[in-house]
């Protein structure tokens, strides 16, 4: 399927690996000029090189933490008129809610609520003027199915989702859409790191923990980043202009609900 976005320009935040990278690569495959971002400058440069070599697209790296206003400015300098924005960022670490003090709380809200909102504020008026805009927020399945220990992440991302529910409807007439993708268990470095940590804490072999985790998913496997990236690319396409304000849950059926 031709997504109709060849020649468009995109900013993909926190995209030097994992789901963010998968989104950047899928957009590049469809002819989009992509600005990628990440904290590790060396890794980001290599990511940009690899995506450009694979797709032939123009890929520009902008290193730094997207929560830093100066990095946001650099992203917008590299892509002043983005047609597509994919918001992504790291989340607070696993911890009991009793350990979440005010400093941690504000950091989590900054990462997963304030930062994506700030990026949207930067780009949305230009998208409305140009009559095309696609904004996709990478959140989490924990928005609809809270995960113990990730309460701060769940709350911040759910807050962002609720905040944007009204915003998206205010710009829909301008062919600007705002949606989120809510990932469950995807085979990424973050998930693998969690398995290692759990193994260290419990003494259980990683392979056993992995098998037990996958067994909880009706699909009986972890999702692949490429699947996620292609879904993101579709939401950014000309064919998805009538989808807005929606959370696309990608969890292999883990969330057991009819609606």
Protein backbone atom coordinates (compact mmCIF):
# COMPACT_ATOMS: atom_id res chain seq x y z
CA UNK A 1 0.00 0.00 0.00
CA UNK A 2 1.24 3.46 -0.91
CA UNK A 3 0.86 5.49 2.26
CA UNK A 4 0.93 8.75 0.32
CA UNK A 5 3.55 10.40 2.55
CA UNK A 6 6.65 10.29 0.36
CA UNK A 7 8.42 13.64 0.60
CA UNK A 8 6.88 14.48 3.96
CA UNK A 9 9.05 15.42 6.94
CA UNK A 10 8.99 13.85 10.39
CA UNK A 11 10.47 14.26 13.85
CA UNK A 12 10.69 10.98 15.77
CA UNK A 13 11.70 11.49 19.39
CA UNK A 14 13.81 8.97 21.31
CA UNK A 15 14.39 6.94 18.17
CA UNK A 16 17.91 5.56 18.41
CA UNK A 17 16.58 2.11 19.33
CA UNK A 18 13.48 0.08 20.15
CA UNK A 19 10.01 1.20 19.16
CA UNK A 20 11.07 4.75 18.30
CA UNK A 21 13.66 3.48 15.86
CA UNK A 22 11.13 1.10 14.32
CA UNK A 23 8.79 4.03 13.68
CA UNK A 24 11.57 6.12 12.14
CA UNK A 25 12.61 3.27 9.88
CA UNK A 26 9.05 2.54 8.74
CA UNK A 27 8.50 6.20 7.86
CA UNK A 28 11.83 6.34 6.01
CA UNK A 29 10.83 3.25 4.02
CA UNK A 30 7.84 5.24 2.82
CA UNK A 31 9.92 8.15 1.56
CA UNK A 32 9.68 10.42 4.59
CA UNK A 33 12.62 12.63 5.58
CA UNK A 34 13.23 11.78 9.20
CA UNK A 35 14.90 13.56 12.10
CA UNK A 36 15.93 10.98 14.70
CA UNK A 37 16.82 11.66 18.31
CA UNK A 38 18.48 10.02 21.29
CA UNK A 39 20.75 10.67 24.24
CA UNK A 40 23.68 8.50 23.07
CA UNK A 41 25.18 10.60 20.24
CA UNK A 42 27.40 7.84 18.86
CA UNK A 43 24.62 5.29 18.80
CA UNK A 44 22.25 7.83 17.26
CA UNK A 45 24.69 8.65 14.46
CA UNK A 46 24.99 4.95 13.67
CA UNK A 47 21.21 4.55 13.76
CA UNK A 48 20.81 7.42 11.29
CA UNK A 49 23.47 5.93 9.02
CA UNK A 50 21.85 2.50 9.05
CA UNK A 51 18.33 3.76 8.35
CA UNK A 52 19.56 5.99 5.52
CA UNK A 53 21.57 3.14 3.99
CA UNK A 54 18.62 0.75 4.18
CA UNK A 55 15.91 3.10 2.91
CA UNK A 56 17.66 5.78 0.86
CA UNK A 57 15.84 8.44 2.86
CA UNK A 58 17.38 11.57 4.31
CA UNK A 59 17.92 10.94 8.02
CA UNK A 60 19.19 13.68 10.33
CA UNK A 61 20.36 12.93 13.89
CA UNK A 62 19.78 15.39 16.73
CA UNK A 63 21.34 14.14 19.95
CA UNK A 64 20.09 14.94 23.44
CA UNK A 65 17.25 14.46 25.89
CA UNK A 66 14.00 15.54 24.27
CA UNK A 67 12.79 16.83 27.65
CA UNK A 68 15.48 19.53 27.44
CA UNK A 69 14.02 22.69 25.83
CA UNK A 70 17.33 23.28 24.00
CA UNK A 71 17.09 19.85 22.39
CA UNK A 72 13.51 20.59 21.36
CA UNK A 73 14.78 23.78 19.72
CA UNK A 74 17.45 21.77 17.90
CA UNK A 75 14.88 19.28 16.64
CA UNK A 76 12.74 22.09 15.27
CA UNK A 77 15.78 23.78 13.73
CA UNK A 78 16.55 20.53 11.90
CA UNK A 79 12.91 20.19 10.81
CA UNK A 80 11.14 23.58 10.98
CA UNK A 81 7.92 22.42 9.31
CA UNK A 82 7.27 18.80 10.28
CA UNK A 83 4.29 17.02 8.79
CA UNK A 84 4.64 14.16 11.26
CA UNK A 85 5.57 14.05 14.93
CA UNK A 86 6.14 10.81 16.80
CA UNK A 87 6.44 11.43 20.53
CA UNK A 88 8.44 8.93 22.52
CA UNK A 89 10.48 9.09 25.71
CA UNK A 90 11.87 6.90 28.44
CA UNK A 91 9.71 6.27 31.46
CA UNK A 92 10.18 6.17 35.22
CA UNK A 93 11.81 3.01 36.60
CA UNK A 94 9.87 0.22 38.29
CA UNK A 95 9.26 1.13 41.94
CA UNK A 96 6.67 0.86 44.69
CA UNK A 97 4.43 3.92 44.77
CA UNK A 98 5.54 4.59 48.34
CA UNK A 99 8.99 5.36 46.95
CA UNK A 100 7.71 8.02 44.56
CA UNK A 101 8.61 11.31 46.21
CA UNK A 102 7.78 14.73 44.76
CA UNK A 103 11.03 14.96 42.80
CA UNK A 104 10.44 11.58 41.14
CA UNK A 105 6.82 12.48 40.51
CA UNK A 106 7.71 15.69 38.72
CA UNK A 107 10.41 13.97 36.67
CA UNK A 108 7.96 11.29 35.53
CA UNK A 109 5.31 13.83 34.60
CA UNK A 110 7.91 15.87 32.72
CA UNK A 111 9.07 12.86 30.73
CA UNK A 112 5.74 11.33 29.83
CA UNK A 113 3.26 14.21 29.93
CA UNK A 114 4.87 17.65 29.68
CA UNK A 115 7.51 16.82 27.06
CA UNK A 116 5.19 15.33 24.41
CA UNK A 117 2.72 18.12 25.04
CA UNK A 118 5.45 20.73 24.53
CA UNK A 119 6.46 19.13 21.23
CA UNK A 120 2.85 19.16 20.07
CA UNK A 121 2.52 22.83 21.01
CA UNK A 122 5.58 23.59 18.88
CA UNK A 123 4.27 21.94 15.70
CA UNK A 124 0.50 21.89 15.68
CA UNK A 125 -0.28 25.38 14.38
CA UNK A 126 1.99 24.91 11.38
CA UNK A 127 0.34 21.58 10.63
CA UNK A 128 -3.08 23.24 10.76
CA UNK A 129 -1.96 26.00 8.41
CA UNK A 130 -0.58 23.46 5.91
CA UNK A 131 -3.70 21.26 6.24
CA UNK A 132 -1.78 18.12 7.03
CA UNK A 133 -0.47 16.76 10.30
CA UNK A 134 -0.04 13.38 11.91
CA UNK A 135 0.90 13.13 15.58
CA UNK A 136 1.46 9.73 17.19
CA UNK A 137 2.27 9.36 20.86
CA UNK A 138 3.98 6.17 21.98
CA UNK A 139 2.48 5.53 25.41
CA UNK A 140 1.88 2.13 27.03
CA UNK A 141 -0.67 -0.61 27.54
CA UNK A 142 -0.51 0.45 31.19
CA UNK A 143 -2.78 3.38 30.24
CA UNK A 144 -5.69 0.91 30.12
CA UNK A 145 -4.23 -1.90 32.22
CA UNK A 146 -2.10 -0.48 35.07
CA UNK A 147 1.07 -2.41 35.89
CA UNK A 148 2.19 -2.65 39.51
CA UNK A 149 5.36 -0.64 40.03
CA UNK A 150 4.80 1.48 36.93
CA UNK A 151 2.10 3.61 38.53
CA UNK A 152 3.87 6.89 37.78
CA UNK A 153 4.35 5.99 34.12
CA UNK A 154 0.73 4.82 33.89
CA UNK A 155 -0.60 7.99 35.48
CA UNK A 156 1.48 10.40 33.40
CA UNK A 157 0.69 8.68 30.11
CA UNK A 158 -2.99 8.38 30.96
CA UNK A 159 -3.00 12.07 31.81
CA UNK A 160 -1.50 12.91 28.43
CA UNK A 161 -4.09 10.74 26.69
CA UNK A 162 -6.95 12.46 28.50
CA UNK A 163 -5.51 15.95 27.93
CA UNK A 164 -5.21 15.37 24.18
CA UNK A 165 -8.69 13.88 23.82
CA UNK A 166 -10.09 17.38 23.57
CA UNK A 167 -7.15 18.88 21.70
CA UNK A 168 -7.37 16.37 18.86
CA UNK A 169 -10.97 17.25 18.16
CA UNK A 170 -10.17 20.94 17.98
CA UNK A 171 -7.78 20.41 15.04
CA UNK A 172 -9.43 17.51 13.20
CA UNK A 173 -11.06 19.81 10.63
CA UNK A 174 -7.57 20.90 9.53
CA UNK A 175 -6.59 17.32 8.58
CA UNK A 176 -4.44 17.05 11.70
CA UNK A 177 -4.80 13.88 13.73
CA UNK A 178 -3.51 12.93 17.18
CA UNK A 179 -3.46 9.28 18.20
CA UNK A 180 -1.49 7.04 20.50
CA UNK A 181 -0.13 3.53 20.26
CA UNK A 182 -0.17 1.59 23.51
CA UNK A 183 2.46 -1.17 23.41
CA UNK A 184 2.38 -4.28 25.54
CA UNK A 185 5.35 -6.64 25.66
CA UNK A 186 7.64 -5.87 22.72
CA UNK A 187 11.02 -7.48 22.15
CA UNK A 188 13.16 -4.43 22.85
CA UNK A 189 16.27 -3.63 24.86
CA UNK A 190 14.04 -2.22 27.60
CA UNK A 191 12.07 -5.44 27.92
CA UNK A 192 15.25 -7.54 27.85
CA UNK A 193 16.77 -5.35 30.53
CA UNK A 194 13.73 -5.93 32.71
CA UNK A 195 14.05 -9.68 32.30
CA UNK A 196 17.69 -9.51 33.34
CA UNK A 197 16.83 -7.42 36.40
CA UNK A 198 14.08 -9.83 37.41
CA UNK A 199 16.47 -12.75 37.00
CA UNK A 200 19.04 -11.06 39.22
CA UNK A 201 16.43 -10.34 41.88
CA UNK A 202 14.86 -13.78 41.93
CA UNK A 203 17.62 -16.12 40.79
CA UNK A 204 15.32 -17.49 38.11
CA UNK A 205 16.94 -18.16 34.70
CA UNK A 206 16.16 -15.50 32.09
CA UNK A 207 14.81 -18.07 29.63
CA UNK A 208 12.31 -19.26 32.23
CA UNK A 209 11.16 -15.72 33.02
CA UNK A 210 10.84 -14.94 29.30
CA UNK A 211 8.74 -18.05 28.65
CA UNK A 212 6.47 -17.30 31.60
CA UNK A 213 5.98 -13.70 30.49
CA UNK A 214 5.18 -14.67 26.89
CA UNK A 215 2.75 -17.32 28.11
CA UNK A 216 0.58 -14.61 29.69
CA UNK A 217 -0.07 -13.14 26.23
CA UNK A 218 -2.81 -14.80 24.16
CA UNK A 219 -0.57 -14.52 21.08
CA UNK A 220 2.06 -16.51 23.06
CA UNK A 221 4.90 -14.25 21.97
CA UNK A 222 6.35 -10.80 22.33
CA UNK A 223 5.61 -8.19 19.70
CA UNK A 224 8.28 -7.27 17.17
CA UNK A 225 9.32 -3.62 16.83
CA UNK A 226 8.79 -3.82 13.07
CA UNK A 227 5.09 -4.55 13.61
CA UNK A 228 4.83 -1.49 15.80
CA UNK A 229 6.68 0.71 13.31
CA UNK A 230 4.40 -0.25 10.43
CA UNK A 231 1.32 0.52 12.51
CA UNK A 232 2.76 3.92 13.32
CA UNK A 233 3.49 4.58 9.65
CA UNK A 234 -0.11 3.76 8.74
CA UNK A 235 -1.43 6.20 11.35
CA UNK A 236 0.80 8.82 9.70
CA UNK A 237 -0.54 8.07 6.23
CA UNK A 238 -3.09 9.83 4.05
CA UNK A 239 -5.39 6.87 4.63
CA UNK A 240 -5.69 7.51 8.38
CA UNK A 241 -7.12 11.02 8.24
CA UNK A 242 -10.43 9.85 9.77
CA UNK A 243 -8.75 8.28 12.81
CA UNK A 244 -8.12 10.68 15.66
CA UNK A 245 -8.25 10.63 19.43
CA UNK A 246 -7.74 6.88 19.48
CA UNK A 247 -5.43 4.65 21.47
CA UNK A 248 -4.29 1.69 19.39
CA UNK A 249 -3.60 -1.11 21.86
CA UNK A 250 -0.89 -3.47 20.59
CA UNK A 251 -0.54 -6.17 23.20
CA UNK A 252 -1.25 -9.51 21.53
CA UNK A 253 -4.64 -9.68 23.26
CA UNK A 254 -3.27 -9.30 26.79
CA UNK A 255 -5.90 -6.75 27.82
CA UNK A 256 -8.95 -8.98 28.28
CA UNK A 257 -11.88 -6.76 27.37
CA UNK A 258 -14.58 -6.43 24.74
CA UNK A 259 -14.24 -2.64 24.43
